[in-house]
C-alpha atoms as a PDB file:
ATOM      1  CA  MET A   1      51.881   6.570 -37.203  1.00  0.00           C
ATOM      2  CA  ALA A   2      49.341   8.818 -36.603  1.00  0.00           C
ATOM      3  CA  ASN A   3      46.388   8.362 -33.724  1.00  0.00           C
ATOM      4  CA  PRO A   4      43.502   7.087 -35.126  1.00  0.00           C
ATOM      5  CA  ASN A   5      41.547   9.368 -32.329  1.00  0.00           C
ATOM      6  CA  LEU A   6      42.861  12.185 -33.637  1.00  0.00           C
ATOM      7  CA  SER A   7      40.499  13.435 -36.755  1.00  0.00           C
ATOM      8  CA  GLU A   8      42.001  16.125 -39.119  1.00  0.00           C
ATOM      9  CA  LYS A   9      38.586  18.254 -38.213  1.00  0.00           C
ATOM     10  CA  PRO A  10      39.172  20.982 -35.798  1.00  0.00           C
ATOM     11  CA  GLN A  11      37.137  19.249 -32.744  1.00  0.00           C
ATOM     12  CA  SER A  12      34.682  22.264 -32.602  1.00  0.00           C
ATOM     13  CA  SER A  13      33.033  20.127 -35.823  1.00  0.00           C
ATOM     14  CA  SER A  14      32.867  17.645 -33.599  1.00  0.00           C
ATOM     15  CA  ILE A  15      31.314  19.161 -30.517  1.00  0.00           C
ATOM     16  CA  ARG A  16      29.172  20.739 -33.261  1.00  0.00           C
ATOM     17  CA  ASP A  17      28.066  17.295 -34.309  1.00  0.00           C
ATOM     18  CA  ALA A  18      27.373  16.052 -30.884  1.00  0.00           C
ATOM     19  CA  SER A  19      25.439  18.888 -29.773  1.00  0.00           C
ATOM     20  CA  GLU A  20      23.428  18.457 -33.091  1.00  0.00           C
ATOM     21  CA  ARG A  21      22.871  15.307 -32.113  1.00  0.00           C
ATOM     22  CA  PHE A  22      21.656  15.444 -28.684  1.00  0.00           C
ATOM     23  CA  ALA A  23      19.421  18.288 -29.529  1.00  0.00           C
ATOM     24  CA  ARG A  24      17.832  15.561 -32.325  1.00  0.00           C
ATOM     25  CA  GLU A  25      17.356  13.084 -29.123  1.00  0.00           C
ATOM     26  CA  ALA A  26      15.992  15.531 -27.232  1.00  0.00           C
ATOM     27  CA  LYS A  27      13.541  17.011 -29.455  1.00  0.00           C
ATOM     28  CA  SER A  28      12.294  12.634 -30.672  1.00  0.00           C
ATOM     29  CA  GLU A  29      11.869  12.440 -26.930  1.00  0.00           C
ATOM     30  CA  ALA A  30      10.108  15.402 -26.052  1.00  0.00           C
ATOM     31  CA  LYS A  31       7.481  14.316 -29.302  1.00  0.00           C
ATOM     32  CA  ASP A  32       7.052  11.177 -27.517  1.00  0.00           C
ATOM     33  CA  VAL A  33       6.417  12.938 -24.268  1.00  0.00           C
ATOM     34  CA  LEU A  34       3.543  15.585 -25.837  1.00  0.00           C
ATOM     35  CA  GLN A  35       2.241  12.429 -27.946  1.00  0.00           C
ATOM     36  CA  ASP A  36       1.929  10.868 -24.312  1.00  0.00           C
ATOM     37  CA  ALA A  37       0.319  13.498 -22.268  1.00  0.00           C
ATOM     38  CA  THR A  38      -1.940  14.396 -25.146  1.00  0.00           C
ATOM     39  CA  GLU A  39      -3.181  10.515 -24.970  1.00  0.00           C
ATOM     40  CA  ALA A  40      -3.455  10.720 -21.151  1.00  0.00           C
ATOM     41  CA  ALA A  41      -5.829  13.842 -21.510  1.00  0.00           C
ATOM     42  CA  SER A  42      -7.795  13.165 -24.061  1.00  0.00           C
ATOM     43  CA  GLU A  43      -8.781   9.427 -22.214  1.00  0.00           C
ATOM     44  CA  PHE A  44      -9.539  11.287 -19.248  1.00  0.00           C
ATOM     45  CA  TYR A  45     -11.959  13.599 -20.206  1.00  0.00           C
ATOM     46  CA  ASP A  46     -13.979  11.179 -22.281  1.00  0.00           C
ATOM     47  CA  ARG A  47     -13.791   9.547 -19.250  1.00  0.00           C
ATOM     48  CA  THR A  48     -14.741  12.348 -17.321  1.00  0.00           C
ATOM     49  CA  SER A  49     -17.601  13.319 -19.933  1.00  0.00           C
ATOM     50  CA  THR A  50     -18.643  10.235 -19.815  1.00  0.00           C
ATOM     51  CA  TRP A  51     -18.932  10.131 -15.995  1.00  0.00           C
ATOM     52  CA  VAL A  52     -20.915  13.592 -16.168  1.00  0.00           C
ATOM     53  CA  GLN A  53     -23.275  12.379 -18.294  1.00  0.00           C
ATOM     54  CA  ALA A  54     -24.107   9.465 -16.357  1.00  0.00           C
ATOM     55  CA  ASN A  55     -24.271  11.207 -13.158  1.00  0.00           C
ATOM     56  CA  TYR A  56     -25.447  14.663 -13.976  1.00  0.00           C
ATOM     57  CA  GLY A  57     -26.982  15.055 -10.589  1.00  0.00           C
ATOM     58  CA  LYS A  58     -24.102  13.988  -8.592  1.00  0.00           C
ATOM     59  CA  SER A  59     -22.295  16.629 -11.221  1.00  0.00           C
ATOM     60  CA  LEU A  60     -24.237  19.636 -10.305  1.00  0.00           C
ATOM     61  CA  ALA A  61     -24.206  18.685  -6.165  1.00  0.00           C
ATOM     62  CA  ILE A  62     -20.539  18.804  -6.489  1.00  0.00           C
ATOM     63  CA  ALA A  63     -20.264  21.836  -8.199  1.00  0.00           C
ATOM     64  CA  GLY A  64     -22.575  23.686  -5.428  1.00  0.00           C
ATOM     65  CA  VAL A  65     -20.782  22.266  -2.770  1.00  0.00           C
ATOM     66  CA  LEU A  66     -17.099  23.642  -3.980  1.00  0.00           C
ATOM     67  CA  ALA A  67     -18.881  27.088  -4.949  1.00  0.00           C
ATOM     68  CA  ALA A  68     -20.141  27.023  -1.512  1.00  0.00           C
ATOM     69  CA  VAL A  69     -16.528  26.296   0.162  1.00  0.00           C
ATOM     70  CA  GLY A  70     -14.743  28.675  -2.523  1.00  0.00           C
ATOM     71  CA  VAL A  71     -17.070  31.375  -1.165  1.00  0.00           C
ATOM     72  CA  PHE A  72     -17.055  30.721   2.777  1.00  0.00           C
ATOM     73  CA  GLY A  73     -13.246  30.704   2.216  1.00  0.00           C
ATOM     74  CA  TYR A  74     -12.588  33.751   0.629  1.00  0.00           C
ATOM     75  CA  VAL A  75     -15.155  35.192   3.418  1.00  0.00           C
ATOM     76  CA  LEU A  76     -12.966  33.927   5.595  1.00  0.00           C
ATOM     77  CA  GLY A  77      -9.696  34.759   4.531  1.00  0.00           C
ATOM     78  CA  ARG A  78     -11.400  38.557   3.975  1.00  0.00           C
ATOM     79  CA  ASN A  79     -12.064  38.371   7.393  1.00  0.00           C
ATOM     80  CA  SER A  80      -9.118  37.514   8.917  1.00  0.00           C
ATOM     81  CA  GLN A  81      -7.506  40.361   6.887  1.00  0.00           C
ATOM     82  CA  MET A  82     -10.282  42.690   7.973  1.00  0.00           C
ATOM     83  CA  THR A  83      -9.004  42.357  12.086  1.00  0.00           C
ATOM     84  CA  ASP A  84      -5.016  42.191  11.763  1.00  0.00           C
ATOM     85  CA  ILE A  85      -5.256  45.733  10.859  1.00  0.00           C
END
């Protein structure tokens, strides 16, 4: 009696079928993750846009402080490099 677990096809075709199935599942999962990330980014952008419009002055102040801190950090970093040489 023949073993029902063995097929007449070569084993490479079953490996190919499994890899194709895995690729389809991975592609489906990747699409789901991408769609979720897109929806989250869109929601974040909408909320942020609404907040910035409602708090325009605060937004300008925050941007100014961030720019000042960035320039200050750059100057400190350049000065520390100059003293190390």
